[in-house]
Amino acid sequence: MPDASPLPQGYAHPGGERLPLPPAETMTPAQRAAAQALIDSPRKGVYGPFLPLLRSPALLERVAKMGEYLRFESVLDPRVRELATCAVARHVSNQFEWTMHAPLAVKAGVDAAAIEALRLGARPQQLKADEEAALDFTRELLQSHGTSDPTYAAALQAFGEQGVVELATLVGYFAMVSWVMNVARTPAQASAPGPGIDAFPG
């Protein structure tokens, strides 16, 4: 049975969550409206990056809209989206996104062994061709802040121009919200299934 305690962010030993959900009685009308919009959206609640983002309701609304498109409406196959999201979460050491999206990646059809390899810091093997293209693109973008011609060409062949743009944006989106949570020390959900990520070997 998985441990129900929150997982730490960034391998530090923090003194607690910095920007938790504000008490309802202290919320401004704009914060309450933003929270209700999340509850009414496909997300069905206020959690993860939207806890710290609630301090800026207008920004939260715009971030949420972008995330909704990238997660639920993108031209990219769900397998590709979830694999790339896991690669970003692993790269930036974000427990919330990892524990949320690793099970979703397996459910979408990514081999469980590939997700476990990512969790351990290894390069997954025997991926499908589009998964290979997405993972190479994602890792290269995160490491070098751009992509080489061969990596771009493979992604273009697999996803087309719109897909390449959406994949690059998805990588940036999940890095951004992970950074916000790392700063805020937003924990993984206590109910998250499966293991979190550990520090890379030194």
N, C-alpha and C. Protein backbone atom coordinates (compact mmCIF):
# COMPACT_ATOMS: atom_id res chain seq x y z
N MET A 1 0.85 -1.20 0.00
CA MET A 1 0.00 0.00 0.00
C MET A 1 0.88 1.25 0.00
N PRO A 2 0.65 2.20 -0.92
CA PRO A 2 1.51 3.37 -0.99
C PRO A 2 1.39 4.25 0.24
N ASP A 3 2.50 4.91 0.56
CA ASP A 3 2.52 5.85 1.67
C ASP A 3 1.60 7.02 1.34
N ALA A 4 0.73 7.38 2.26
CA ALA A 4 -0.25 8.45 2.02
C ALA A 4 0.33 9.83 2.30
N SER A 5 1.55 9.91 2.83
CA SER A 5 2.12 11.22 3.15
C SER A 5 2.58 11.92 1.87
N PRO A 6 2.52 13.27 1.85
CA PRO A 6 2.95 14.00 0.66
C PRO A 6 4.43 13.75 0.35
N LEU A 7 4.76 13.75 -0.94
CA LEU A 7 6.15 13.57 -1.36
C LEU A 7 6.83 14.93 -1.41
N PRO A 8 8.09 15.01 -1.00
CA PRO A 8 8.79 16.29 -1.00
C PRO A 8 9.14 16.73 -2.41
N GLN A 9 9.26 18.04 -2.59
CA GLN A 9 9.67 18.60 -3.87
C GLN A 9 11.18 18.80 -3.89
N GLY A 10 11.79 18.53 -5.01
CA GLY A 10 13.17 18.94 -5.23
C GLY A 10 14.19 18.31 -4.32
N TYR A 11 13.82 17.25 -3.62
CA TYR A 11 14.75 16.50 -2.76
C TYR A 11 15.27 17.30 -1.59
N ALA A 12 14.67 18.44 -1.31
CA ALA A 12 15.03 19.18 -0.12
C ALA A 12 14.22 18.61 1.05
N HIS A 13 14.45 19.12 2.21
CA HIS A 13 13.62 18.78 3.37
C HIS A 13 12.94 20.07 3.81
N PRO A 14 11.89 20.45 3.11
CA PRO A 14 11.30 21.78 3.34
C PRO A 14 10.58 21.85 4.67
N GLY A 15 10.39 23.09 5.09
CA GLY A 15 9.65 23.33 6.31
C GLY A 15 8.16 23.39 6.08
N GLY A 16 7.70 22.91 4.96
CA GLY A 16 6.27 22.88 4.69
C GLY A 16 5.92 23.60 3.40
N GLU A 17 4.69 23.41 2.99
CA GLU A 17 4.18 24.01 1.77
C GLU A 17 4.14 25.52 1.93
N ARG A 18 4.69 26.23 0.95
CA ARG A 18 4.77 27.68 1.07
C ARG A 18 3.48 28.38 0.66
N LEU A 19 2.79 27.86 -0.33
CA LEU A 19 1.60 28.54 -0.86
C LEU A 19 0.44 27.55 -0.98
N PRO A 20 -0.11 27.12 0.15
CA PRO A 20 -1.23 26.17 0.11
C PRO A 20 -2.52 26.87 -0.30
N LEU A 21 -3.59 26.12 -0.37
CA LEU A 21 -4.90 26.69 -0.67
C LEU A 21 -5.25 27.71 0.41
N PRO A 22 -5.56 28.94 0.03
CA PRO A 22 -5.94 29.93 1.05
C PRO A 22 -7.26 29.53 1.71
N PRO A 23 -7.43 29.86 2.98
CA PRO A 23 -8.73 29.62 3.62
C PRO A 23 -9.84 30.33 2.85
N ALA A 24 -10.98 29.68 2.73
CA ALA A 24 -12.09 30.23 1.93
C ALA A 24 -12.47 31.63 2.38
N GLU A 25 -12.42 31.87 3.69
CA GLU A 25 -12.88 33.17 4.20
C GLU A 25 -11.90 34.30 3.85
N THR A 26 -10.68 33.97 3.46
CA THR A 26 -9.71 35.01 3.10
C THR A 26 -9.63 35.26 1.60
N MET A 27 -10.31 34.43 0.80
CA MET A 27 -10.22 34.58 -0.65
C MET A 27 -10.96 35.83 -1.13
N THR A 28 -10.37 36.46 -2.14
CA THR A 28 -11.04 37.57 -2.79
C THR A 28 -12.12 37.02 -3.73
N PRO A 29 -13.06 37.88 -4.17
CA PRO A 29 -14.04 37.41 -5.15
C PRO A 29 -13.39 36.83 -6.40
N ALA A 30 -12.29 37.41 -6.87
CA ALA A 30 -11.61 36.90 -8.06
C ALA A 30 -11.02 35.52 -7.79
N GLN A 31 -10.47 35.31 -6.60
CA GLN A 31 -9.93 33.99 -6.26
C GLN A 31 -11.04 32.95 -6.18
N ARG A 32 -12.15 33.32 -5.58
CA ARG A 32 -13.26 32.37 -5.48
C ARG A 32 -13.80 32.01 -6.86
N ALA A 33 -13.89 33.00 -7.74
CA ALA A 33 -14.36 32.73 -9.10
C ALA A 33 -13.40 31.83 -9.86
N ALA A 34 -12.10 32.07 -9.69
CA ALA A 34 -11.10 31.23 -10.36
C ALA A 34 -11.15 29.80 -9.84
N ALA A 35 -11.30 29.66 -8.52
CA ALA A 35 -11.40 28.33 -7.94
C ALA A 35 -12.64 27.60 -8.44
N GLN A 36 -13.76 28.29 -8.52
CA GLN A 36 -14.99 27.65 -8.99
C GLN A 36 -14.89 27.25 -10.45
N ALA A 37 -14.21 28.07 -11.24
CA ALA A 37 -14.02 27.72 -12.66
C ALA A 37 -13.22 26.44 -12.80
N LEU A 38 -12.23 26.23 -11.96
CA LEU A 38 -11.46 24.98 -11.98
C LEU A 38 -12.34 23.80 -11.58
N ILE A 39 -13.16 24.00 -10.57
CA ILE A 39 -14.05 22.92 -10.11
C ILE A 39 -15.03 22.53 -11.22
N ASP A 40 -15.47 23.51 -12.00
CA ASP A 40 -16.43 23.26 -13.08
C ASP A 40 -15.76 22.77 -14.36
N SER A 41 -14.43 22.78 -14.42
CA SER A 41 -13.68 22.40 -15.62
C SER A 41 -13.42 20.89 -15.62
N PRO A 42 -12.78 20.36 -16.67
CA PRO A 42 -12.41 18.94 -16.66
C PRO A 42 -11.52 18.53 -15.48
N ARG A 43 -10.86 19.50 -14.83
CA ARG A 43 -9.99 19.17 -13.70
C ARG A 43 -10.77 18.82 -12.43
N LYS A 44 -11.96 19.38 -12.28
CA LYS A 44 -12.88 19.05 -11.18
C LYS A 44 -12.36 19.41 -9.79
N GLY A 45 -11.39 20.31 -9.70
CA GLY A 45 -10.91 20.68 -8.38
C GLY A 45 -9.75 21.66 -8.46
N VAL A 46 -9.33 22.17 -7.29
CA VAL A 46 -8.20 23.09 -7.18
C VAL A 46 -7.06 22.33 -6.53
N TYR A 47 -6.02 22.07 -7.29
CA TYR A 47 -4.89 21.28 -6.78
C TYR A 47 -3.66 21.57 -7.63
N GLY A 48 -2.53 21.00 -7.23
CA GLY A 48 -1.31 21.13 -8.01
C GLY A 48 -0.90 22.58 -8.21
N PRO A 49 -0.54 22.95 -9.43
CA PRO A 49 -0.01 24.31 -9.66
C PRO A 49 -1.04 25.41 -9.41
N PHE A 50 -2.33 25.03 -9.39
CA PHE A 50 -3.36 26.05 -9.22
C PHE A 50 -3.48 26.51 -7.77
N LEU A 51 -2.88 25.78 -6.85
CA LEU A 51 -2.83 26.26 -5.46
C LEU A 51 -1.97 27.52 -5.36
N PRO A 52 -0.70 27.49 -5.79
CA PRO A 52 0.05 28.75 -5.76
C PRO A 52 -0.46 29.78 -6.75
N LEU A 53 -0.91 29.33 -7.94
CA LEU A 53 -1.37 30.28 -8.95
C LEU A 53 -2.63 31.02 -8.52
N LEU A 54 -3.33 30.52 -7.51
CA LEU A 54 -4.53 31.20 -7.03
C LEU A 54 -4.19 32.60 -6.50
N ARG A 55 -2.91 32.84 -6.19
CA ARG A 55 -2.51 34.19 -5.76
C ARG A 55 -2.64 35.20 -6.89
N SER A 56 -2.72 34.73 -8.13
CA SER A 56 -2.88 35.61 -9.28
C SER A 56 -4.01 35.04 -10.14
N PRO A 57 -5.27 35.34 -9.80
CA PRO A 57 -6.39 34.68 -10.47
C PRO A 57 -6.42 34.86 -11.99
N ALA A 58 -6.05 36.04 -12.48
CA ALA A 58 -6.05 36.25 -13.93
C ALA A 58 -5.01 35.37 -14.60
N LEU A 59 -3.83 35.27 -13.99
CA LEU A 59 -2.79 34.38 -14.54
C LEU A 59 -3.25 32.93 -14.47
N LEU A 60 -3.82 32.53 -13.35
CA LEU A 60 -4.34 31.17 -13.21
C LEU A 60 -5.30 30.84 -14.35
N GLU A 61 -6.22 31.75 -14.65
CA GLU A 61 -7.21 31.49 -15.70
C GLU A 61 -6.53 31.24 -17.04
N ARG A 62 -5.53 32.03 -17.36
CA ARG A 62 -4.84 31.88 -18.64
C ARG A 62 -4.00 30.61 -18.68
N VAL A 63 -3.32 30.30 -17.59
CA VAL A 63 -2.53 29.06 -17.52
C VAL A 63 -3.45 27.85 -17.63
N ALA A 64 -4.58 27.89 -16.94
CA ALA A 64 -5.52 26.77 -16.97
C ALA A 64 -6.05 26.53 -18.38
N LYS A 65 -6.36 27.60 -19.10
CA LYS A 65 -6.88 27.45 -20.47
C LYS A 65 -5.83 26.81 -21.38
N MET A 66 -4.58 27.24 -21.25
CA MET A 66 -3.53 26.63 -22.06
C MET A 66 -3.37 25.16 -21.71
N GLY A 67 -3.36 24.86 -20.42
CA GLY A 67 -3.21 23.48 -19.98
C GLY A 67 -4.36 22.60 -20.45
N GLU A 68 -5.57 23.13 -20.43
CA GLU A 68 -6.72 22.35 -20.91
C GLU A 68 -6.56 21.97 -22.37
N TYR A 69 -6.12 22.93 -23.18
CA TYR A 69 -5.92 22.62 -24.59
C TYR A 69 -4.84 21.56 -24.76
N LEU A 70 -3.69 21.77 -24.12
CA LEU A 70 -2.57 20.85 -24.31
C LEU A 70 -2.88 19.45 -23.80
N ARG A 71 -3.64 19.35 -22.73
CA ARG A 71 -3.93 18.03 -22.14
C ARG A 71 -5.09 17.32 -22.82
N PHE A 72 -6.11 18.08 -23.22
CA PHE A 72 -7.36 17.44 -23.64
C PHE A 72 -7.73 17.64 -25.11
N GLU A 73 -7.08 18.59 -25.79
CA GLU A 73 -7.49 18.90 -27.16
C GLU A 73 -6.35 18.89 -28.17
N SER A 74 -5.13 18.74 -27.75
CA SER A 74 -3.98 18.78 -28.64
C SER A 74 -4.09 17.72 -29.74
N VAL A 75 -3.47 18.00 -30.88
CA VAL A 75 -3.43 17.02 -31.97
C VAL A 75 -2.54 15.83 -31.64
N LEU A 76 -1.71 15.95 -30.63
CA LEU A 76 -0.81 14.87 -30.25
C LEU A 76 -1.58 13.72 -29.60
N ASP A 77 -1.15 12.50 -29.90
CA ASP A 77 -1.75 11.32 -29.27
C ASP A 77 -1.56 11.39 -27.76
N PRO A 78 -2.54 10.93 -26.97
CA PRO A 78 -2.37 10.94 -25.51
C PRO A 78 -1.10 10.23 -25.04
N ARG A 79 -0.69 9.17 -25.71
CA ARG A 79 0.56 8.49 -25.33
C ARG A 79 1.73 9.46 -25.40
N VAL A 80 1.78 10.21 -26.48
CA VAL A 80 2.88 11.15 -26.71
C VAL A 80 2.84 12.27 -25.68
N ARG A 81 1.66 12.82 -25.45
CA ARG A 81 1.52 13.90 -24.47
C ARG A 81 1.97 13.44 -23.08
N GLU A 82 1.51 12.28 -22.68
CA GLU A 82 1.81 11.81 -21.31
C GLU A 82 3.28 11.42 -21.16
N LEU A 83 3.86 10.82 -22.19
CA LEU A 83 5.28 10.48 -22.13
C LEU A 83 6.12 11.74 -22.02
N ALA A 84 5.82 12.74 -22.84
CA ALA A 84 6.57 13.99 -22.77
C ALA A 84 6.40 14.67 -21.42
N THR A 85 5.19 14.65 -20.89
CA THR A 85 4.95 15.24 -19.57
C THR A 85 5.77 14.55 -18.50
N CYS A 86 5.84 13.24 -18.54
CA CYS A 86 6.64 12.49 -17.57
C CYS A 86 8.12 12.84 -17.71
N ALA A 87 8.59 12.99 -18.95
CA ALA A 87 9.99 13.35 -19.16
C ALA A 87 10.30 14.72 -18.57
N VAL A 88 9.37 15.66 -18.71
CA VAL A 88 9.56 16.98 -18.12
C VAL A 88 9.56 16.89 -16.60
N ALA A 89 8.59 16.19 -16.03
CA ALA A 89 8.51 16.07 -14.57
C ALA A 89 9.77 15.44 -13.99
N ARG A 90 10.30 14.44 -14.69
CA ARG A 90 11.54 13.80 -14.24
C ARG A 90 12.70 14.78 -14.32
N HIS A 91 12.76 15.55 -15.40
CA HIS A 91 13.88 16.46 -15.61
C HIS A 91 13.91 17.55 -14.55
N VAL A 92 12.74 18.09 -14.18
CA VAL A 92 12.70 19.20 -13.23
C VAL A 92 12.39 18.74 -11.81
N SER A 93 12.34 17.43 -11.60
CA SER A 93 12.16 16.86 -10.26
C SER A 93 10.87 17.33 -9.60
N ASN A 94 9.77 17.17 -10.31
CA ASN A 94 8.49 17.58 -9.74
C ASN A 94 7.64 16.37 -9.40
N GLN A 95 7.41 16.18 -8.12
CA GLN A 95 6.67 15.01 -7.65
C GLN A 95 5.21 15.04 -8.06
N PHE A 96 4.58 16.22 -8.00
CA PHE A 96 3.16 16.29 -8.31
C PHE A 96 2.90 15.82 -9.74
N GLU A 97 3.58 16.42 -10.70
CA GLU A 97 3.33 16.05 -12.10
C GLU A 97 3.74 14.60 -12.37
N TRP A 98 4.83 14.15 -11.75
CA TRP A 98 5.23 12.75 -11.97
C TRP A 98 4.16 11.78 -11.48
N THR A 99 3.74 11.94 -10.23
CA THR A 99 2.80 10.96 -9.67
C THR A 99 1.43 11.05 -10.32
N MET A 100 1.10 12.22 -10.89
CA MET A 100 -0.17 12.33 -11.60
C MET A 100 -0.08 11.70 -13.00
N HIS A 101 1.00 11.98 -13.72
CA HIS A 101 1.04 11.62 -15.13
C HIS A 101 1.67 10.27 -15.43
N ALA A 102 2.48 9.72 -14.54
CA ALA A 102 3.04 8.39 -14.81
C ALA A 102 1.94 7.34 -14.97
N PRO A 103 0.95 7.27 -14.08
CA PRO A 103 -0.16 6.33 -14.30
C PRO A 103 -0.97 6.64 -15.55
N LEU A 104 -1.14 7.93 -15.86
CA LEU A 104 -1.88 8.30 -17.06
C LEU A 104 -1.15 7.88 -18.32
N ALA A 105 0.18 7.94 -18.29
CA ALA A 105 0.97 7.51 -19.44
C ALA A 105 0.79 6.02 -19.70
N VAL A 106 0.83 5.23 -18.64
CA VAL A 106 0.64 3.78 -18.79
C VAL A 106 -0.78 3.49 -19.27
N LYS A 107 -1.75 4.19 -18.70
CA LYS A 107 -3.14 4.01 -19.12
C LYS A 107 -3.34 4.37 -20.59
N ALA A 108 -2.58 5.37 -21.08
CA ALA A 108 -2.69 5.80 -22.47
C ALA A 108 -1.99 4.85 -23.43
N GLY A 109 -1.18 3.93 -22.89
CA GLY A 109 -0.55 2.95 -23.76
C GLY A 109 0.96 2.95 -23.77
N VAL A 110 1.60 3.82 -22.99
CA VAL A 110 3.06 3.78 -22.88
C VAL A 110 3.44 2.57 -22.04
N ASP A 111 4.45 1.84 -22.46
CA ASP A 111 4.88 0.65 -21.73
C ASP A 111 5.30 1.03 -20.31
N ALA A 112 4.83 0.27 -19.34
CA ALA A 112 5.15 0.57 -17.94
C ALA A 112 6.66 0.53 -17.69
N ALA A 113 7.36 -0.35 -18.39
CA ALA A 113 8.82 -0.43 -18.22
C ALA A 113 9.50 0.85 -18.69
N ALA A 114 8.93 1.51 -19.70
CA ALA A 114 9.50 2.77 -20.17
C ALA A 114 9.33 3.86 -19.12
N ILE A 115 8.19 3.90 -18.48
CA ILE A 115 7.94 4.90 -17.43
C ILE A 115 8.83 4.63 -16.22
N GLU A 116 9.01 3.37 -15.88
CA GLU A 116 9.90 3.05 -14.76
C GLU A 116 11.34 3.42 -15.08
N ALA A 117 11.76 3.21 -16.32
CA ALA A 117 13.11 3.62 -16.70
C ALA A 117 13.29 5.13 -16.55
N LEU A 118 12.30 5.88 -17.01
CA LEU A 118 12.36 7.33 -16.82
C LEU A 118 12.43 7.70 -15.35
N ARG A 119 11.63 7.05 -14.53
CA ARG A 119 11.61 7.35 -13.10
C ARG A 119 12.99 7.17 -12.48
N LEU A 120 13.70 6.15 -12.96
CA LEU A 120 15.03 5.84 -12.42
C LEU A 120 16.14 6.66 -13.06
N GLY A 121 15.77 7.52 -14.02
CA GLY A 121 16.77 8.36 -14.66
C GLY A 121 17.41 7.74 -15.88
N ALA A 122 16.87 6.63 -16.38
CA ALA A 122 17.44 5.94 -17.54
C ALA A 122 16.68 6.30 -18.80
N ARG A 123 17.30 6.05 -19.95
CA ARG A 123 16.65 6.27 -21.25
C ARG A 123 15.80 5.04 -21.57
N PRO A 124 14.48 5.19 -21.67
CA PRO A 124 13.64 4.04 -22.00
C PRO A 124 14.03 3.42 -23.35
N GLN A 125 13.89 2.11 -23.45
CA GLN A 125 14.20 1.38 -24.66
C GLN A 125 12.91 0.83 -25.27
N GLN A 126 12.99 0.45 -26.54
CA GLN A 126 11.91 -0.24 -27.24
C GLN A 126 10.59 0.55 -27.21
N LEU A 127 10.71 1.83 -27.47
CA LEU A 127 9.53 2.68 -27.58
C LEU A 127 8.96 2.58 -28.99
N LYS A 128 7.69 2.96 -29.14
CA LYS A 128 7.11 3.10 -30.47
C LYS A 128 7.79 4.26 -31.19
N ALA A 129 7.70 4.28 -32.51
CA ALA A 129 8.44 5.28 -33.29
C ALA A 129 8.05 6.70 -32.91
N ASP A 130 6.76 6.96 -32.72
CA ASP A 130 6.36 8.33 -32.37
C ASP A 130 6.78 8.68 -30.94
N GLU A 131 6.82 7.68 -30.07
CA GLU A 131 7.30 7.92 -28.71
C GLU A 131 8.79 8.24 -28.71
N GLU A 132 9.57 7.54 -29.53
CA GLU A 132 11.00 7.83 -29.67
C GLU A 132 11.20 9.27 -30.12
N ALA A 133 10.44 9.66 -31.15
CA ALA A 133 10.58 11.02 -31.68
C ALA A 133 10.22 12.06 -30.63
N ALA A 134 9.15 11.81 -29.88
CA ALA A 134 8.71 12.75 -28.85
C ALA A 134 9.70 12.83 -27.71
N LEU A 135 10.21 11.70 -27.28
CA LEU A 135 11.13 11.69 -26.15
C LEU A 135 12.45 12.35 -26.52
N ASP A 136 12.98 12.05 -27.71
CA ASP A 136 14.22 12.69 -28.15
C ASP A 136 14.04 14.20 -28.23
N PHE A 137 12.91 14.64 -28.80
CA PHE A 137 12.62 16.06 -28.93
C PHE A 137 12.53 16.71 -27.54
N THR A 138 11.81 16.09 -26.64
CA THR A 138 11.60 16.64 -25.30
C THR A 138 12.90 16.74 -24.53
N ARG A 139 13.67 15.66 -24.52
CA ARG A 139 14.92 15.66 -23.75
C ARG A 139 15.94 16.64 -24.32
N GLU A 140 16.00 16.71 -25.66
CA GLU A 140 16.95 17.64 -26.27
C GLU A 140 16.55 19.09 -26.00
N LEU A 141 15.25 19.36 -26.07
CA LEU A 141 14.77 20.71 -25.79
C LEU A 141 15.06 21.11 -24.36
N LEU A 142 14.85 20.21 -23.42
CA LEU A 142 15.10 20.50 -22.01
C LEU A 142 16.59 20.68 -21.73
N GLN A 143 17.42 19.91 -22.40
CA GLN A 143 18.85 19.95 -22.10
C GLN A 143 19.60 21.05 -22.84
N SER A 144 19.20 21.32 -24.09
CA SER A 144 19.96 22.28 -24.88
C SER A 144 19.15 23.50 -25.27
N HIS A 145 17.87 23.55 -24.88
CA HIS A 145 17.01 24.70 -25.14
C HIS A 145 16.74 24.91 -26.63
N GLY A 146 16.83 23.85 -27.38
CA GLY A 146 16.54 23.85 -28.81
C GLY A 146 16.59 22.41 -29.30
N THR A 147 16.47 22.22 -30.59
CA THR A 147 16.56 20.87 -31.14
C THR A 147 17.44 20.87 -32.38
N SER A 148 18.19 19.79 -32.55
CA SER A 148 19.03 19.63 -33.72
C SER A 148 18.17 19.35 -34.95
N ASP A 149 18.76 19.48 -36.12
CA ASP A 149 18.03 19.21 -37.36
C ASP A 149 17.52 17.77 -37.43
N PRO A 150 18.33 16.74 -37.08
CA PRO A 150 17.79 15.38 -37.15
C PRO A 150 16.62 15.15 -36.19
N THR A 151 16.71 15.70 -35.00
CA THR A 151 15.63 15.53 -34.02
C THR A 151 14.38 16.26 -34.46
N TYR A 152 14.56 17.46 -34.99
CA TYR A 152 13.41 18.22 -35.51
C TYR A 152 12.76 17.48 -36.68
N ALA A 153 13.58 16.96 -37.57
CA ALA A 153 13.05 16.26 -38.75
C ALA A 153 12.24 15.04 -38.34
N ALA A 154 12.72 14.30 -37.36
CA ALA A 154 11.98 13.12 -36.90
C ALA A 154 10.65 13.52 -36.27
N ALA A 155 10.66 14.58 -35.47
CA ALA A 155 9.41 15.05 -34.86
C ALA A 155 8.45 15.58 -35.92
N LEU A 156 8.98 16.29 -36.91
CA LEU A 156 8.14 16.82 -37.98
C LEU A 156 7.48 15.69 -38.76
N GLN A 157 8.23 14.64 -39.04
CA GLN A 157 7.67 13.51 -39.76
C GLN A 157 6.59 12.81 -38.93
N ALA A 158 6.81 12.72 -37.63
CA ALA A 158 5.87 12.02 -36.76
C ALA A 158 4.61 12.84 -36.47
N PHE A 159 4.75 14.15 -36.31
CA PHE A 159 3.65 14.96 -35.76
C PHE A 159 3.18 16.10 -36.66
N GLY A 160 3.93 16.43 -37.72
CA GLY A 160 3.59 17.58 -38.54
C GLY A 160 3.94 18.88 -37.84
N GLU A 161 3.79 19.99 -38.56
CA GLU A 161 4.18 21.28 -38.00
C GLU A 161 3.35 21.66 -36.77
N GLN A 162 2.04 21.45 -36.85
CA GLN A 162 1.21 21.79 -35.68
C GLN A 162 1.61 20.94 -34.48
N GLY A 163 1.85 19.66 -34.70
CA GLY A 163 2.24 18.79 -33.60
C GLY A 163 3.56 19.17 -32.98
N VAL A 164 4.52 19.58 -33.81
CA VAL A 164 5.82 20.01 -33.28
C VAL A 164 5.65 21.25 -32.41
N VAL A 165 4.86 22.21 -32.89
CA VAL A 165 4.63 23.42 -32.11
C VAL A 165 3.93 23.08 -30.79
N GLU A 166 2.95 22.20 -30.84
CA GLU A 166 2.23 21.84 -29.62
C GLU A 166 3.10 21.03 -28.67
N LEU A 167 3.98 20.19 -29.20
CA LEU A 167 4.88 19.44 -28.33
C LEU A 167 5.85 20.38 -27.63
N ALA A 168 6.44 21.32 -28.37
CA ALA A 168 7.35 22.27 -27.75
C ALA A 168 6.64 23.10 -26.68
N THR A 169 5.39 23.48 -26.97
CA THR A 169 4.62 24.27 -26.00
C THR A 169 4.27 23.43 -24.78
N LEU A 170 3.93 22.16 -24.98
CA LEU A 170 3.63 21.27 -23.87
C LEU A 170 4.83 21.13 -22.94
N VAL A 171 6.01 20.97 -23.54
CA VAL A 171 7.23 20.88 -22.72
C VAL A 171 7.40 22.13 -21.89
N GLY A 172 7.24 23.29 -22.53
CA GLY A 172 7.38 24.54 -21.79
C GLY A 172 6.32 24.72 -20.73
N TYR A 173 5.09 24.33 -21.05
CA TYR A 173 3.99 24.46 -20.08
C TYR A 173 4.26 23.65 -18.82
N PHE A 174 4.62 22.38 -19.00
CA PHE A 174 4.81 21.55 -17.82
C PHE A 174 6.08 21.90 -17.05
N ALA A 175 7.10 22.40 -17.74
CA ALA A 175 8.26 22.92 -17.01
C ALA A 175 7.85 24.13 -16.18
N MET A 176 7.06 25.02 -16.77
CA MET A 176 6.62 26.23 -16.07
C MET A 176 5.82 25.90 -14.81
N VAL A 177 4.78 25.06 -14.94
CA VAL A 177 3.97 24.78 -13.76
C VAL A 177 4.75 23.97 -12.73
N SER A 178 5.69 23.15 -13.18
CA SER A 178 6.53 22.41 -12.24
C SER A 178 7.43 23.36 -11.46
N TRP A 179 7.99 24.34 -12.13
CA TRP A 179 8.82 25.32 -11.43
C TRP A 179 8.01 26.09 -10.41
N VAL A 180 6.79 26.48 -10.77
CA VAL A 180 5.93 27.19 -9.81
C VAL A 180 5.71 26.31 -8.57
N MET A 181 5.43 25.03 -8.79
CA MET A 181 5.20 24.14 -7.65
C MET A 181 6.47 23.87 -6.87
N ASN A 182 7.62 23.78 -7.56
CA ASN A 182 8.87 23.57 -6.83
C ASN A 182 9.17 24.76 -5.92
N VAL A 183 8.90 25.96 -6.41
CA VAL A 183 9.09 27.16 -5.57
C VAL A 183 8.11 27.13 -4.39
N ALA A 184 6.87 26.76 -4.67
CA ALA A 184 5.83 26.77 -3.63
C ALA A 184 5.88 25.54 -2.73
N ARG A 185 6.73 24.57 -3.08
CA ARG A 185 6.80 23.29 -2.36
C ARG A 185 5.43 22.62 -2.31
N THR A 186 4.75 22.65 -3.45
CA THR A 186 3.44 22.00 -3.55
C THR A 186 3.65 20.50 -3.55
N PRO A 187 3.07 19.77 -2.60
CA PRO A 187 3.32 18.32 -2.54
C PRO A 187 2.49 17.57 -3.57
N ALA A 188 2.91 16.33 -3.83
CA ALA A 188 2.06 15.44 -4.62
C ALA A 188 0.77 15.19 -3.85
N GLN A 189 -0.26 14.81 -4.57
CA GLN A 189 -1.51 14.47 -3.90
C GLN A 189 -1.30 13.24 -3.02
N ALA A 190 -1.85 13.28 -1.83
CA ALA A 190 -1.67 12.16 -0.90
C ALA A 190 -2.23 10.86 -1.46
N SER A 191 -3.22 10.97 -2.33
CA SER A 191 -3.85 9.78 -2.90
C SER A 191 -3.14 9.28 -4.16
N ALA A 192 -2.04 9.92 -4.56
CA ALA A 192 -1.38 9.55 -5.81
C ALA A 192 -0.88 8.11 -5.74
N PRO A 193 -1.18 7.30 -6.78
CA PRO A 193 -0.73 5.91 -6.77
C PRO A 193 0.72 5.81 -7.25
N GLY A 194 1.38 4.73 -6.89
CA GLY A 194 2.69 4.43 -7.42
C GLY A 194 3.79 5.25 -6.76
N PRO A 195 5.04 4.90 -7.07
CA PRO A 195 6.17 5.57 -6.44
C PRO A 195 6.44 6.93 -7.06
N GLY A 196 7.00 7.82 -6.26
CA GLY A 196 7.44 9.10 -6.76
C GLY A 196 8.82 8.98 -7.35
N ILE A 197 9.42 10.12 -7.65
CA ILE A 197 10.77 10.13 -8.21
C ILE A 197 11.78 10.38 -7.09
N ASP A 198 12.94 9.80 -7.25
CA ASP A 198 14.04 9.97 -6.31
C ASP A 198 15.13 10.81 -6.97
N ALA A 199 16.06 11.28 -6.18
CA ALA A 199 17.18 12.04 -6.72
C ALA A 199 17.98 11.18 -7.69
N PHE A 200 18.50 11.79 -8.74
CA PHE A 200 19.37 11.06 -9.64
C PHE A 200 20.61 10.60 -8.87
N PRO A 201 21.19 9.48 -9.26
CA PRO A 201 22.42 9.04 -8.59
C PRO A 201 23.50 10.11 -8.69
N GLY A 202 24.24 10.29 -7.61
CA GLY A 202 25.28 11.31 -7.60
C GLY A 202 26.53 10.87 -8.33
